[in-house]
């Protein structure tokens, strides 16, 4: 695994942890209105970061047809 991929995986895992913590805090009902708004905005940022990393990974996936040896990108018509 290259250091770039490992770095992206680390960033994804960190963003997911932060997103989960933020959602749990929001769901607890213990945050003030101001804190809730800040948490919500941060959670949106973590969500976007995770979505971007997943989209980037999806674009890199290739599927090899063992019968023909043909390589297609994930999501292309089979």
Protein backbone atom coordinates (compact mmCIF):
# COMPACT_ATOMS: atom_id res chain seq x y z
CA UNK A 1 0.00 0.00 0.00
CA UNK A 2 1.44 3.38 -0.95
CA UNK A 3 1.81 6.13 1.60
CA UNK A 4 -0.76 8.23 -0.29
CA UNK A 5 -3.40 5.52 -0.01
CA UNK A 6 -2.54 4.91 3.65
CA UNK A 7 -2.82 8.64 4.27
CA UNK A 8 -6.27 8.81 2.63
CA UNK A 9 -7.43 5.79 4.64
CA UNK A 10 -6.21 7.47 7.82
CA UNK A 11 -8.00 10.70 6.91
CA UNK A 12 -11.19 8.80 6.13
CA UNK A 13 -11.09 6.91 9.43
CA UNK A 14 -10.42 10.10 11.39
CA UNK A 15 -13.24 11.96 9.63
CA UNK A 16 -15.62 9.06 10.30
CA UNK A 17 -14.69 9.04 13.99
CA UNK A 18 -15.22 12.78 14.24
CA UNK A 19 -18.51 12.51 12.37
CA UNK A 20 -19.72 9.74 14.68
CA UNK A 21 -18.71 11.69 17.78
CA UNK A 22 -20.47 14.80 16.50
CA UNK A 23 -23.67 12.91 15.68
CA UNK A 24 -23.64 11.26 19.11
CA UNK A 25 -23.21 14.65 20.80
CA UNK A 26 -26.01 16.16 18.73
CA UNK A 27 -28.25 13.17 19.43
CA UNK A 28 -27.67 13.40 23.18
CA UNK A 29 -29.55 16.70 23.34
CA UNK A 30 -27.00 18.04 25.84
CA UNK A 31 -25.39 20.61 23.53
CA UNK A 32 -26.45 24.23 23.59
CA UNK A 33 -28.05 25.68 20.48
CA UNK A 34 -24.82 27.45 19.51
CA UNK A 35 -22.75 24.29 20.08
CA UNK A 36 -25.29 22.24 18.13
CA UNK A 37 -25.03 24.57 15.16
CA UNK A 38 -21.22 24.40 15.22
CA UNK A 39 -21.31 20.61 15.55
CA UNK A 40 -23.76 20.35 12.66
CA UNK A 41 -21.48 22.43 10.41
CA UNK A 42 -18.44 20.36 11.37
CA UNK A 43 -20.37 17.14 10.77
CA UNK A 44 -21.27 18.37 7.28
CA UNK A 45 -17.58 19.00 6.60
CA UNK A 46 -16.62 15.52 7.84
CA UNK A 47 -19.40 13.99 5.73
CA UNK A 48 -18.19 15.83 2.61
CA UNK A 49 -14.61 14.74 3.28
CA UNK A 50 -15.66 11.09 3.65
CA UNK A 51 -17.82 11.28 0.53
CA UNK A 52 -14.95 12.79 -1.47
CA UNK A 53 -12.50 10.12 -0.32
CA UNK A 54 -14.97 7.34 -1.18
CA UNK A 55 -15.66 8.85 -4.60
CA UNK A 56 -11.94 9.04 -5.27
CA UNK A 57 -11.49 5.40 -4.25
CA UNK A 58 -14.42 4.29 -6.38
CA UNK A 59 -12.89 5.99 -9.41
CA UNK A 60 -9.68 4.01 -8.89
CA UNK A 61 -11.30 0.58 -8.74
CA UNK A 62 -10.93 -1.57 -11.83
CA UNK A 63 -12.67 -4.87 -12.45
CA UNK A 64 -10.93 -7.67 -14.33
CA UNK A 65 -13.13 -10.15 -16.20
CA UNK A 66 -11.36 -13.48 -15.61
CA UNK A 67 -12.86 -15.03 -18.75
CA UNK A 68 -11.57 -12.39 -21.15
CA UNK A 69 -8.96 -10.50 -19.14
CA UNK A 70 -10.80 -7.28 -19.98
CA UNK A 71 -10.35 -4.45 -17.51
CA UNK A 72 -13.25 -2.06 -16.91
CA UNK A 73 -13.70 0.78 -14.47
CA UNK A 74 -16.09 0.25 -11.58
CA UNK A 75 -19.55 1.42 -12.57
CA UNK A 76 -19.11 1.02 -16.33
CA UNK A 77 -21.71 -1.02 -18.14
CA UNK A 78 -20.73 -4.67 -17.95
